[in-house]
């Protein structure tokens, strides 16, 4: 199984390789000019997502790439809304481009898409192109276990590539931010165990820490989206590992669900005890993040004692002049009766955002992979995502510190002044193909974690409290490929099982169901949803993956 330390090591290795990568980025035909073999200008038809503040046709980075690689890029651009439907229509009609260049969080090819269209011959495997013309891509694939696994299909083909954007604070989404001003006001220490956490919340409820003479405090809240705002995972991790997604672990190579284990039941009983004490906001299970933030930003009096979130600006205004933004600080994972875990999720989306089709000639395929390979160099990564040096980013100045203060800073982004027209000098999120952790760690950040330019450092330091606290038996669902013959069945079972587990957890916590009387029926319900078959499919996917070796 994975170890966080090995990923950090790999990231640092990648950074050193990136420094050398620029010099080798055009290996293959021995010349930079000429996207293909002939040296002539190569025309390439590209389907791409385009944001409202970007014009890819006139974009300065587009012009740079066309000149650098002797290309003529013919864009078919689509806005974010409806992007998936437009991609699907293009494929169904047969009128599809040479290349799809997508933003993963807008739309991407799923693993099922890749296998389906790959087997039909619509998608061109990239293996040989990478071996011959893309040394920087090859280095990253060979150096990142997860990235290679999630891009390599079970048949060994690489049918497309997804972006590599190793957002550190996204890797540990389920954080807890506590009102440390209230802790000091009540003379309380930061809680380190599940029982200490309960006592702190009870004090927040009963001792009027906001000083307005009303029992209006909300000791703990959250919301229902997928930004680490669910309250259950952080609490459950003191009892058994909760990944907030699959509820699976791979223990000694065996895929199991945690949601029927005694420790899960015990964790639910603990959370129910908090609910019964009145220290959990019932809205945490039903409200959206907007309602959550209304609690955090309440103007009449500070109400919130602790909030579950990937980062605090989800529930409170963190601007420097905000009245409450500095009060919420992270606490480490709580030590419970059986565990002391933090939820880990590799922050890369499986599937593919760079996909070549059979419409592309050999010359076009070579030109496209060379263009992408440049984005895997340090120079390409900065120019493509940030824009022009001196305008949109600059080199570090003396005294400036990287996000990770143990490494040398590499770059400083220059924000667009308020009211100025977009610079249109980068591809932005279209280009995040080698933003490995070491690269992101090297960005200049302000030293004051409560200032606007230090917010990312605030998240970084919070995430350090969680790093390495995940168990060895973590289930790497992001790196697995399910047999396409089972894809629809698996997707349905996965949805049904997660909904069932989530709904029953809520019912047990709120008392709508009894943990003593209804637990056995709940477990039988999992069996009725064919969890045995689901585990068999997940086991098969795990067994054939390189991650399990």
Protein backbone atom coordinates (compact mmCIF):
# COMPACT_ATOMS: atom_id res chain seq x y z
CA UNK A 1 0.00 0.00 0.00
CA UNK A 2 0.90 3.65 -0.38
CA UNK A 3 2.89 5.65 2.09
CA UNK A 4 2.56 9.43 2.18
CA UNK A 5 6.28 9.73 2.72
CA UNK A 6 7.00 7.94 -0.53
CA UNK A 7 4.82 10.40 -2.42
CA UNK A 8 6.63 13.36 -0.91
CA UNK A 9 9.93 11.77 -1.86
CA UNK A 10 8.66 11.18 -5.36
CA UNK A 11 7.52 14.78 -5.61
CA UNK A 12 10.95 16.07 -4.64
CA UNK A 13 12.50 13.77 -7.21
CA UNK A 14 10.10 15.11 -9.82
CA UNK A 15 11.13 18.66 -9.01
CA UNK A 16 14.78 17.87 -9.61
CA UNK A 17 13.88 16.16 -12.87
CA UNK A 18 11.77 19.12 -13.91
CA UNK A 19 14.82 21.37 -13.55
CA UNK A 20 16.62 19.22 -16.08
CA UNK A 21 13.53 18.55 -18.16
CA UNK A 22 13.56 21.65 -20.32
CA UNK A 23 16.78 20.68 -22.01
CA UNK A 24 15.39 17.31 -23.02
CA UNK A 25 11.84 18.29 -23.86
CA UNK A 26 12.34 18.09 -27.60
CA UNK A 27 14.21 14.83 -27.83
CA UNK A 28 12.85 12.57 -30.57
CA UNK A 29 13.49 14.17 -33.95
CA UNK A 30 16.39 16.19 -32.62
CA UNK A 31 14.87 19.60 -33.33
CA UNK A 32 12.45 21.93 -31.59
CA UNK A 33 10.92 23.44 -34.73
CA UNK A 34 8.46 21.34 -36.65
CA UNK A 35 5.77 19.64 -34.68
CA UNK A 36 5.96 16.45 -36.73
CA UNK A 37 8.64 14.52 -38.55
CA UNK A 38 8.82 16.60 -41.71
CA UNK A 39 9.55 19.96 -40.14
CA UNK A 40 6.60 21.54 -41.95
CA UNK A 41 3.90 23.45 -40.11
CA UNK A 42 1.43 20.99 -38.65
CA UNK A 43 -2.27 21.76 -38.42
CA UNK A 44 -4.09 20.36 -35.40
CA UNK A 45 -7.82 20.51 -34.65
CA UNK A 46 -8.44 20.85 -30.91
CA UNK A 47 -11.68 20.64 -28.91
CA UNK A 48 -11.13 22.61 -25.69
CA UNK A 49 -12.91 24.18 -22.75
CA UNK A 50 -12.72 27.96 -22.71
CA UNK A 51 -13.48 30.20 -19.75
CA UNK A 52 -15.21 33.54 -20.11
CA UNK A 53 -11.97 35.49 -19.54
CA UNK A 54 -9.90 33.57 -22.12
CA UNK A 55 -9.77 33.65 -25.92
CA UNK A 56 -7.68 30.68 -27.01
CA UNK A 57 -7.54 31.87 -30.62
CA UNK A 58 -5.78 35.14 -29.73
CA UNK A 59 -4.17 33.85 -26.53
CA UNK A 60 -0.49 34.75 -26.08
CA UNK A 61 0.45 31.26 -24.92
CA UNK A 62 -1.30 29.77 -27.95
CA UNK A 63 0.87 31.96 -30.16
CA UNK A 64 3.96 30.90 -28.22
CA UNK A 65 3.16 27.22 -28.71
CA UNK A 66 2.41 27.67 -32.41
CA UNK A 67 5.76 29.39 -32.92
CA UNK A 68 7.75 27.06 -30.69
CA UNK A 69 6.46 23.87 -32.29
CA UNK A 70 5.57 25.13 -35.79
CA UNK A 71 1.86 24.46 -35.29
CA UNK A 72 -1.42 25.86 -36.54
CA UNK A 73 -4.01 25.18 -33.82
CA UNK A 74 -7.61 25.21 -35.01
CA UNK A 75 -9.77 25.60 -31.93
CA UNK A 76 -13.28 24.35 -31.32
CA UNK A 77 -14.06 25.90 -27.95
CA UNK A 78 -16.97 25.22 -25.62
CA UNK A 79 -18.01 27.01 -22.42
CA UNK A 80 -18.04 25.11 -19.16
CA UNK A 81 -21.83 24.76 -19.12
CA UNK A 82 -22.85 21.85 -21.32
CA UNK A 83 -19.25 20.88 -22.06
CA UNK A 84 -19.78 17.17 -21.38
CA UNK A 85 -22.81 17.00 -23.65
CA UNK A 86 -20.98 18.77 -26.48
CA UNK A 87 -18.05 16.36 -26.21
CA UNK A 88 -20.39 13.38 -26.30
CA UNK A 89 -22.24 14.79 -29.31
CA UNK A 90 -18.99 15.29 -31.19
CA UNK A 91 -18.02 11.67 -30.63
CA UNK A 92 -21.46 10.30 -31.51
CA UNK A 93 -21.64 12.31 -34.72
CA UNK A 94 -18.24 11.15 -35.94
CA UNK A 95 -17.26 14.79 -36.38
CA UNK A 96 -14.64 14.82 -33.67
CA UNK A 97 -11.25 16.60 -33.53
CA UNK A 98 -7.65 15.41 -33.62
CA UNK A 99 -7.29 16.24 -29.94
CA UNK A 100 -9.47 16.79 -26.91
CA UNK A 101 -7.85 19.18 -24.42
CA UNK A 102 -10.08 19.42 -21.36
CA UNK A 103 -10.22 20.77 -17.83
CA UNK A 104 -10.73 17.71 -15.58
CA UNK A 105 -13.10 19.38 -13.13
CA UNK A 106 -15.30 20.64 -16.00
CA UNK A 107 -15.48 17.40 -18.01
CA UNK A 108 -13.18 14.54 -18.87
CA UNK A 109 -13.15 11.12 -20.48
CA UNK A 110 -14.04 8.51 -17.89
CA UNK A 111 -12.06 5.30 -17.67
CA UNK A 112 -15.03 3.53 -19.26
CA UNK A 113 -14.96 6.05 -22.14
CA UNK A 114 -11.26 5.45 -22.66
CA UNK A 115 -11.62 1.68 -22.80
CA UNK A 116 -14.71 1.84 -25.02
CA UNK A 117 -13.33 4.29 -27.58
CA UNK A 118 -9.85 2.81 -27.33
CA UNK A 119 -11.12 -0.63 -28.24
CA UNK A 120 -13.14 0.90 -31.10
CA UNK A 121 -10.00 2.54 -32.45
CA UNK A 122 -11.38 6.06 -32.03
CA UNK A 123 -8.77 6.90 -29.39
CA UNK A 124 -5.07 6.55 -30.19
CA UNK A 125 -2.88 4.89 -27.50
CA UNK A 126 -0.09 7.21 -26.40
CA UNK A 127 2.49 4.63 -25.27
CA UNK A 128 4.77 4.70 -28.32
CA UNK A 129 4.42 8.45 -28.75
CA UNK A 130 5.45 9.01 -25.14
CA UNK A 131 8.40 6.62 -25.44
CA UNK A 132 9.71 8.30 -28.60
CA UNK A 133 8.78 11.97 -28.28
CA UNK A 134 7.84 12.81 -24.68
CA UNK A 135 10.73 12.27 -22.25
CA UNK A 136 9.25 14.58 -19.62
CA UNK A 137 5.91 12.80 -19.57
CA UNK A 138 7.73 9.48 -19.38
CA UNK A 139 9.77 10.62 -16.39
CA UNK A 140 6.67 11.67 -14.49
CA UNK A 141 4.84 8.43 -15.25
CA UNK A 142 7.83 6.35 -14.22
CA UNK A 143 8.29 8.33 -11.02
CA UNK A 144 4.71 8.54 -9.76
CA UNK A 145 3.09 5.23 -8.82
CA UNK A 146 -0.44 6.58 -8.58
CA UNK A 147 -0.25 8.76 -11.69
CA UNK A 148 1.03 5.89 -13.81
CA UNK A 149 -1.59 3.48 -12.46
CA UNK A 150 -4.49 5.82 -13.05
CA UNK A 151 -3.36 6.55 -16.63
CA UNK A 152 -2.56 2.96 -17.64
CA UNK A 153 -5.51 0.77 -18.65
CA UNK A 154 -5.61 -2.93 -17.69
CA UNK A 155 -4.53 -3.84 -21.24
CA UNK A 156 -1.35 -1.78 -20.76
CA UNK A 157 -2.37 1.07 -23.04
CA UNK A 158 -2.34 4.74 -22.12
CA UNK A 159 -5.45 5.99 -23.93
CA UNK A 160 -5.20 9.47 -22.50
CA UNK A 161 -3.63 11.51 -19.73
CA UNK A 162 -5.22 13.31 -16.85
CA UNK A 163 -3.73 16.43 -15.36
CA UNK A 164 -1.30 16.14 -12.48
CA UNK A 165 -2.18 18.79 -9.92
CA UNK A 166 -1.12 17.58 -6.48
CA UNK A 167 -2.96 20.05 -4.29
CA UNK A 168 -1.62 19.22 -0.82
CA UNK A 169 -4.45 20.72 1.20
CA UNK A 170 -6.96 18.90 -1.04
CA UNK A 171 -5.28 15.58 -0.21
CA UNK A 172 -6.59 15.72 3.36
CA UNK A 173 -10.00 17.34 2.93
CA UNK A 174 -11.72 16.45 6.20
CA UNK A 175 -10.23 18.96 8.61
CA UNK A 176 -11.69 20.46 11.77
CA UNK A 177 -11.33 24.19 12.45
CA UNK A 178 -11.92 25.18 16.07
CA UNK A 179 -12.68 28.58 17.54
CA UNK A 180 -9.46 29.00 19.50
CA UNK A 181 -10.57 32.41 20.78
CA UNK A 182 -13.37 30.63 22.63
CA UNK A 183 -10.92 28.03 23.93
CA UNK A 184 -8.78 30.77 25.47
CA UNK A 185 -11.79 32.63 26.79
CA UNK A 186 -13.01 29.53 28.63
CA UNK A 187 -9.52 28.45 29.74
CA UNK A 188 -9.71 25.23 27.75
CA UNK A 189 -6.92 23.28 26.08
CA UNK A 190 -7.07 22.14 22.48
CA UNK A 191 -8.78 18.73 22.46
CA UNK A 192 -6.69 15.73 21.41
CA UNK A 193 -9.14 12.88 22.03
CA UNK A 194 -12.74 12.19 21.12
CA UNK A 195 -13.83 12.59 24.74
CA UNK A 196 -11.94 15.87 25.18
CA UNK A 197 -13.58 17.10 21.98
CA UNK A 198 -17.01 16.31 23.44
CA UNK A 199 -16.22 18.23 26.63
CA UNK A 200 -15.07 21.28 24.67
CA UNK A 201 -18.25 21.30 22.59
CA UNK A 202 -20.36 21.02 25.74
CA UNK A 203 -18.51 24.01 27.19
CA UNK A 204 -19.14 25.99 24.01
CA UNK A 205 -22.85 25.22 24.38
CA UNK A 206 -23.29 25.98 28.06
CA UNK A 207 -20.72 28.62 29.07
CA UNK A 208 -21.71 31.51 26.78
CA UNK A 209 -18.31 32.02 25.11
CA UNK A 210 -19.67 34.78 22.86
CA UNK A 211 -20.72 36.70 25.97
CA UNK A 212 -24.12 37.90 24.80
CA UNK A 213 -26.07 36.21 27.59
CA UNK A 214 -27.93 33.95 25.18
CA UNK A 215 -27.63 30.22 24.62
CA UNK A 216 -27.25 30.78 20.87
CA UNK A 217 -23.86 29.16 20.28
CA UNK A 218 -23.57 26.45 17.60
CA UNK A 219 -20.78 24.21 18.92
CA UNK A 220 -20.23 22.18 15.73
CA UNK A 221 -21.53 22.47 12.18
CA UNK A 222 -20.85 21.50 8.59
CA UNK A 223 -22.74 20.96 5.35
CA UNK A 224 -23.48 18.40 2.65
CA UNK A 225 -21.11 19.16 -0.26
CA UNK A 226 -17.81 17.45 -1.05
CA UNK A 227 -15.36 20.03 0.31
CA UNK A 228 -14.46 18.21 3.51
CA UNK A 229 -17.54 19.75 5.13
CA UNK A 230 -19.12 16.48 6.31
CA UNK A 231 -18.76 16.19 10.08
CA UNK A 232 -18.88 12.39 10.32
CA UNK A 233 -15.49 11.41 8.77
CA UNK A 234 -13.36 13.52 11.11
CA UNK A 235 -15.19 12.07 14.12
CA UNK A 236 -15.39 8.49 12.82
CA UNK A 237 -11.63 8.42 12.24
CA UNK A 238 -11.14 8.04 15.98
CA UNK A 239 -12.82 4.66 15.70
CA UNK A 240 -12.21 3.29 12.19
CA UNK A 241 -10.98 4.73 8.91
CA UNK A 242 -13.60 6.74 7.01
CA UNK A 243 -12.62 7.86 3.51
CA UNK A 244 -15.93 9.71 3.05
CA UNK A 245 -16.34 8.11 -0.39
CA UNK A 246 -16.20 4.34 -0.72
CA UNK A 247 -16.09 3.19 2.92
CA UNK A 248 -13.62 0.53 1.80
CA UNK A 249 -10.19 -0.53 3.01
CA UNK A 250 -7.63 -2.96 1.59
CA UNK A 251 -6.49 -4.92 4.63
CA UNK A 252 -3.65 -7.32 3.89
CA UNK A 253 -4.69 -7.21 0.24
CA UNK A 254 -8.33 -7.99 1.01
CA UNK A 255 -10.93 -5.37 0.08
CA UNK A 256 -13.47 -4.89 2.89
CA UNK A 257 -16.18 -2.43 3.84
CA UNK A 258 -15.81 -0.62 7.15
CA UNK A 259 -19.49 0.28 7.33
CA UNK A 260 -20.59 -3.01 8.89
CA UNK A 261 -17.78 -3.37 11.42
CA UNK A 262 -18.22 -3.03 15.21
CA UNK A 263 -15.93 0.01 15.24
CA UNK A 264 -18.24 1.78 12.76
CA UNK A 265 -21.18 1.08 15.06
CA UNK A 266 -19.18 2.40 18.01
CA UNK A 267 -18.27 5.54 16.07
CA UNK A 268 -21.93 6.16 15.26
CA UNK A 269 -22.78 5.74 18.94
CA UNK A 270 -20.19 8.40 19.84
CA UNK A 271 -21.50 10.84 17.23
CA UNK A 272 -25.05 10.15 18.47
CA UNK A 273 -23.92 11.06 21.97
CA UNK A 274 -22.77 14.44 20.64
CA UNK A 275 -26.09 14.89 18.87
CA UNK A 276 -28.00 13.96 22.02
CA UNK A 277 -25.99 16.56 23.97
CA UNK A 278 -27.18 19.16 21.48
CA UNK A 279 -23.66 20.10 20.38
CA UNK A 280 -24.08 19.10 16.71
CA UNK A 281 -26.04 21.49 14.52
CA UNK A 282 -28.83 19.39 12.90
CA UNK A 283 -28.38 21.57 9.82
CA UNK A 284 -24.94 20.05 9.28
CA UNK A 285 -26.72 17.04 7.74
CA UNK A 286 -29.04 19.01 5.44
CA UNK A 287 -27.75 22.52 4.70
CA UNK A 288 -25.60 23.73 1.84
CA UNK A 289 -22.35 25.56 2.36
CA UNK A 290 -24.09 28.92 1.95
CA UNK A 291 -26.23 28.25 5.01
CA UNK A 292 -23.15 26.97 6.85
CA UNK A 293 -21.38 30.24 6.13
CA UNK A 294 -24.30 32.28 7.44
CA UNK A 295 -23.66 30.66 10.82
CA UNK A 296 -19.94 31.37 10.62
CA UNK A 297 -20.43 34.99 9.56
CA UNK A 298 -23.39 35.86 11.79
CA UNK A 299 -23.20 39.62 12.29
CA UNK A 300 -24.97 39.98 15.63
CA UNK A 301 -22.72 37.61 17.57
CA UNK A 302 -20.15 34.95 16.86
CA UNK A 303 -22.02 31.63 16.90
CA UNK A 304 -19.75 28.88 15.62
CA UNK A 305 -17.50 26.82 17.85
CA UNK A 306 -16.04 24.42 15.28
CA UNK A 307 -16.49 23.81 11.58
CA UNK A 308 -15.67 20.84 9.39
CA UNK A 309 -14.10 21.97 6.11
CA UNK A 310 -11.18 21.58 3.77
CA UNK A 311 -10.47 25.26 4.40
CA UNK A 312 -12.08 27.86 6.66
CA UNK A 313 -13.25 30.32 3.98
CA UNK A 314 -15.97 27.79 3.19
CA UNK A 315 -17.74 28.77 6.41
CA UNK A 316 -16.31 32.12 7.48
CA UNK A 317 -15.02 35.26 5.83
CA UNK A 318 -11.23 35.04 6.08
CA UNK A 319 -10.44 38.50 4.73
CA UNK A 320 -7.93 40.38 6.87
CA UNK A 321 -10.60 42.78 8.14
CA UNK A 322 -13.18 40.10 8.92
CA UNK A 323 -14.26 39.92 12.58
CA UNK A 324 -14.01 36.13 12.95
CA UNK A 325 -11.66 34.84 10.24
CA UNK A 326 -8.57 34.55 12.45
CA UNK A 327 -10.38 32.72 15.23
CA UNK A 328 -10.67 29.36 13.47
CA UNK A 329 -7.59 27.19 13.61
CA UNK A 330 -7.05 23.52 12.78
CA UNK A 331 -6.82 20.74 15.31
CA UNK A 332 -5.10 17.41 14.58
CA UNK A 333 -7.00 14.14 14.14
CA UNK A 334 -8.61 13.03 17.39
CA UNK A 335 -7.38 9.96 19.20
CA UNK A 336 -10.30 7.63 19.79
CA UNK A 337 -10.69 4.17 21.30
CA UNK A 338 -9.36 2.39 18.22
CA UNK A 339 -7.81 4.89 15.82
CA UNK A 340 -6.26 8.30 15.23
CA UNK A 341 -6.71 8.66 11.48
CA UNK A 342 -7.04 11.44 8.91
CA UNK A 343 -8.94 11.00 5.66
CA UNK A 344 -6.67 10.91 2.62
CA UNK A 345 -7.71 11.24 -1.01
CA UNK A 346 -5.23 11.54 -3.87
CA UNK A 347 -6.28 14.88 -5.40
CA UNK A 348 -6.19 13.82 -9.06
CA UNK A 349 -9.25 12.90 -11.09
CA UNK A 350 -9.05 9.53 -12.90
CA UNK A 351 -9.94 9.45 -16.57
CA UNK A 352 -8.29 11.71 -19.15
CA UNK A 353 -8.24 15.34 -20.21
CA UNK A 354 -5.70 14.90 -23.06
CA UNK A 355 -7.01 12.45 -25.67
CA UNK A 356 -5.81 11.94 -29.26
CA UNK A 357 -8.17 10.47 -31.83
CA UNK A 358 -7.76 8.52 -35.06
CA UNK A 359 -8.50 11.73 -37.00
CA UNK A 360 -4.97 12.87 -36.17
CA UNK A 361 -2.32 12.02 -38.74
CA UNK A 362 1.02 10.67 -37.61
CA UNK A 363 2.50 14.16 -37.97
CA UNK A 364 -0.31 15.62 -35.88
CA UNK A 365 0.02 12.97 -33.19
CA UNK A 366 3.73 13.67 -32.83
CA UNK A 367 3.14 17.43 -32.75
CA UNK A 368 0.45 17.07 -30.11
CA UNK A 369 2.51 14.89 -27.78
CA UNK A 370 5.50 17.23 -28.10
CA UNK A 371 3.27 20.16 -27.22
CA UNK A 372 1.97 18.31 -24.17
CA UNK A 373 5.47 17.21 -23.18
CA UNK A 374 6.47 20.86 -22.95
CA UNK A 375 3.75 21.38 -20.33
CA UNK A 376 5.53 18.77 -18.19
CA UNK A 377 8.67 20.95 -18.00
CA UNK A 378 9.11 23.62 -15.36
CA UNK A 379 9.21 26.37 -17.98
CA UNK A 380 6.14 25.02 -19.72
CA UNK A 381 4.21 24.54 -16.48
CA UNK A 382 4.77 28.13 -15.39
CA UNK A 383 4.21 29.76 -18.78
CA UNK A 384 1.13 27.72 -19.62
CA UNK A 385 -0.65 28.13 -16.30
CA UNK A 386 0.57 31.50 -15.02
CA UNK A 387 1.27 33.41 -18.24
CA UNK A 388 4.08 35.75 -19.22
CA UNK A 389 7.05 36.24 -16.93
CA UNK A 390 7.19 39.78 -15.60
CA UNK A 391 3.50 40.29 -16.23
CA UNK A 392 1.70 37.37 -14.63
CA UNK A 393 4.51 35.87 -12.59
CA UNK A 394 8.05 36.71 -11.55
CA UNK A 395 11.10 35.10 -10.02
CA UNK A 396 11.43 35.24 -6.20
CA UNK A 397 13.00 38.24 -4.53
CA UNK A 398 15.37 38.23 -1.59
CA UNK A 399 13.63 37.36 1.65
CA UNK A 400 10.60 35.75 0.05
CA UNK A 401 9.66 32.29 1.28
CA UNK A 402 8.18 29.29 -0.50
CA UNK A 403 4.96 27.65 0.63
CA UNK A 404 7.18 24.90 2.00
CA UNK A 405 9.71 27.01 3.85
CA UNK A 406 12.26 24.18 3.65
CA UNK A 407 12.70 24.55 -0.14
CA UNK A 408 13.93 27.31 -2.43
CA UNK A 409 11.09 29.37 -3.91
CA UNK A 410 10.67 29.19 -7.70
CA UNK A 411 7.98 31.68 -8.68
CA UNK A 412 5.57 34.32 -7.47
CA UNK A 413 2.20 34.82 -9.14
CA UNK A 414 1.30 38.44 -9.91
CA UNK A 415 -2.42 38.98 -9.25
CA UNK A 416 -4.53 40.79 -11.83
CA UNK A 417 -5.31 44.26 -10.43
CA UNK A 418 -8.98 44.89 -9.77
CA UNK A 419 -10.76 46.31 -12.80
CA UNK A 420 -8.10 45.36 -15.35
CA UNK A 421 -8.93 43.39 -18.48
CA UNK A 422 -7.90 39.71 -18.42
CA UNK A 423 -4.34 39.26 -19.64
CA UNK A 424 -5.19 36.30 -21.91
CA UNK A 425 -1.60 35.09 -21.72
CA UNK A 426 -2.08 31.58 -20.31
CA UNK A 427 -4.11 28.40 -20.78
CA UNK A 428 -4.92 28.29 -17.08
CA UNK A 429 -6.52 25.07 -15.88
CA UNK A 430 -6.22 23.51 -19.36
CA UNK A 431 -2.50 23.21 -18.75
CA UNK A 432 -2.09 21.69 -15.27
CA UNK A 433 -0.24 18.55 -16.30
CA UNK A 434 2.81 18.56 -14.03
CA UNK A 435 1.90 20.58 -10.98
CA UNK A 436 3.34 17.98 -8.63
CA UNK A 437 3.53 18.75 -4.95
CA UNK A 438 7.16 19.87 -4.99
CA UNK A 439 6.36 22.39 -7.74
CA UNK A 440 3.34 23.74 -5.86
CA UNK A 441 5.36 23.81 -2.62
CA UNK A 442 7.88 26.12 -4.28
CA UNK A 443 5.46 28.98 -4.95
CA UNK A 444 6.18 32.17 -3.00
CA UNK A 445 3.61 32.73 -0.27
CA UNK A 446 3.24 35.43 2.35
CA UNK A 447 4.50 34.62 5.84
CA UNK A 448 1.39 35.80 7.71
CA UNK A 449 -1.12 32.96 7.50
CA UNK A 450 -4.02 35.33 8.26
CA UNK A 451 -3.16 37.73 5.44
CA UNK A 452 -4.59 37.30 1.96
CA UNK A 453 -1.25 36.34 0.43
CA UNK A 454 -0.61 33.81 3.21
CA UNK A 455 -3.88 31.88 3.04
CA UNK A 456 -2.36 28.96 1.16
CA UNK A 457 0.30 28.71 3.87
CA UNK A 458 -2.48 28.58 6.44
CA UNK A 459 -3.94 25.57 4.60
CA UNK A 460 -0.51 24.01 4.17
CA UNK A 461 0.26 24.19 7.88
CA UNK A 462 -3.18 22.80 8.70
CA UNK A 463 -2.62 19.88 6.35
CA UNK A 464 0.73 19.05 7.93
CA UNK A 465 -1.27 18.15 11.05
CA UNK A 466 -3.06 15.47 9.02
CA UNK A 467 -0.24 14.21 6.82
CA UNK A 468 0.77 10.61 7.44
CA UNK A 469 -2.18 9.92 9.74
CA UNK A 470 -3.98 7.76 7.16
CA UNK A 471 -3.78 3.97 7.62
CA UNK A 472 -1.68 1.63 5.50
CA UNK A 473 -4.83 -0.21 4.42
CA UNK A 474 -6.21 2.79 2.55
CA UNK A 475 -8.19 1.75 -0.55
CA UNK A 476 -6.75 3.56 -3.62
CA UNK A 477 -9.98 3.81 -5.60
CA UNK A 478 -8.60 6.70 -7.69
CA UNK A 479 -5.94 4.45 -9.25
CA UNK A 480 -8.11 1.43 -10.12
CA UNK A 481 -9.76 0.41 -13.38
CA UNK A 482 -13.02 -1.53 -13.22
CA UNK A 483 -13.67 -4.07 -15.97
CA UNK A 484 -15.85 -2.19 -18.50
CA UNK A 485 -18.20 -5.17 -18.62
CA UNK A 486 -18.99 -4.41 -14.98
CA UNK A 487 -18.87 -0.61 -15.18
CA UNK A 488 -22.61 0.15 -15.21
CA UNK A 489 -23.36 -2.45 -12.55
CA UNK A 490 -20.55 -1.14 -10.37
CA UNK A 491 -21.60 2.48 -10.71
CA UNK A 492 -25.16 1.66 -9.67
CA UNK A 493 -24.08 -0.47 -6.72
CA UNK A 494 -21.59 2.17 -5.60
CA UNK A 495 -24.26 4.89 -5.62
CA UNK A 496 -26.86 2.72 -3.90
CA UNK A 497 -24.46 1.53 -1.21
CA UNK A 498 -23.11 4.99 -0.42
CA UNK A 499 -26.60 6.44 -0.21
CA UNK A 500 -27.71 3.59 2.04
CA UNK A 501 -24.70 3.91 4.36
CA UNK A 502 -25.04 7.70 4.56
CA UNK A 503 -28.79 7.65 5.16
CA UNK A 504 -28.54 5.00 7.85
CA UNK A 505 -25.66 6.78 9.56
CA UNK A 506 -27.85 9.88 9.81
CA UNK A 507 -30.80 7.85 11.12
CA UNK A 508 -28.66 6.17 13.78
CA UNK A 509 -27.13 9.49 14.86
CA UNK A 510 -30.43 11.35 15.13
CA UNK A 511 -32.24 8.45 16.80
CA UNK A 512 -34.62 7.71 13.94
CA UNK A 513 -33.15 4.20 14.14
CA UNK A 514 -31.76 2.38 17.16
CA UNK A 515 -28.19 1.12 17.06
CA UNK A 516 -29.17 -1.68 19.42
CA UNK A 517 -32.40 -2.77 17.78
CA UNK A 518 -31.84 -1.94 14.10
CA UNK A 519 -28.13 -2.63 13.53
CA UNK A 520 -28.55 -6.23 12.37
CA UNK A 521 -31.24 -5.21 9.89
CA UNK A 522 -28.94 -2.47 8.60
CA UNK A 523 -26.17 -5.01 7.95
CA UNK A 524 -28.66 -7.28 6.18
CA UNK A 525 -29.63 -4.30 4.06
CA UNK A 526 -26.05 -4.02 2.85
CA UNK A 527 -26.21 -7.65 1.83
CA UNK A 528 -29.51 -6.96 0.06
CA UNK A 529 -27.78 -4.28 -1.99
CA UNK A 530 -25.32 -6.95 -3.16
CA UNK A 531 -22.31 -5.65 -1.32
CA UNK A 532 -20.66 -9.06 -1.71
CA UNK A 533 -20.73 -8.68 -5.51
CA UNK A 534 -19.49 -5.10 -5.22
CA UNK A 535 -16.53 -6.17 -3.09
CA UNK A 536 -15.70 -8.92 -5.60
CA UNK A 537 -15.53 -6.37 -8.42
CA UNK A 538 -13.42 -3.98 -6.34
CA UNK A 539 -11.15 -6.85 -5.32
CA UNK A 540 -10.62 -7.83 -8.96
CA UNK A 541 -9.77 -4.24 -9.90
CA UNK A 542 -7.39 -3.98 -6.97
CA UNK A 543 -5.70 -7.31 -7.71
CA UNK A 544 -4.81 -6.40 -11.31
CA UNK A 545 -3.57 -2.91 -10.42
CA UNK A 546 0.09 -2.10 -10.00
CA UNK A 547 -0.81 -0.49 -6.65
CA UNK A 548 -1.54 -3.85 -5.04
CA UNK A 549 1.87 -5.26 -5.92
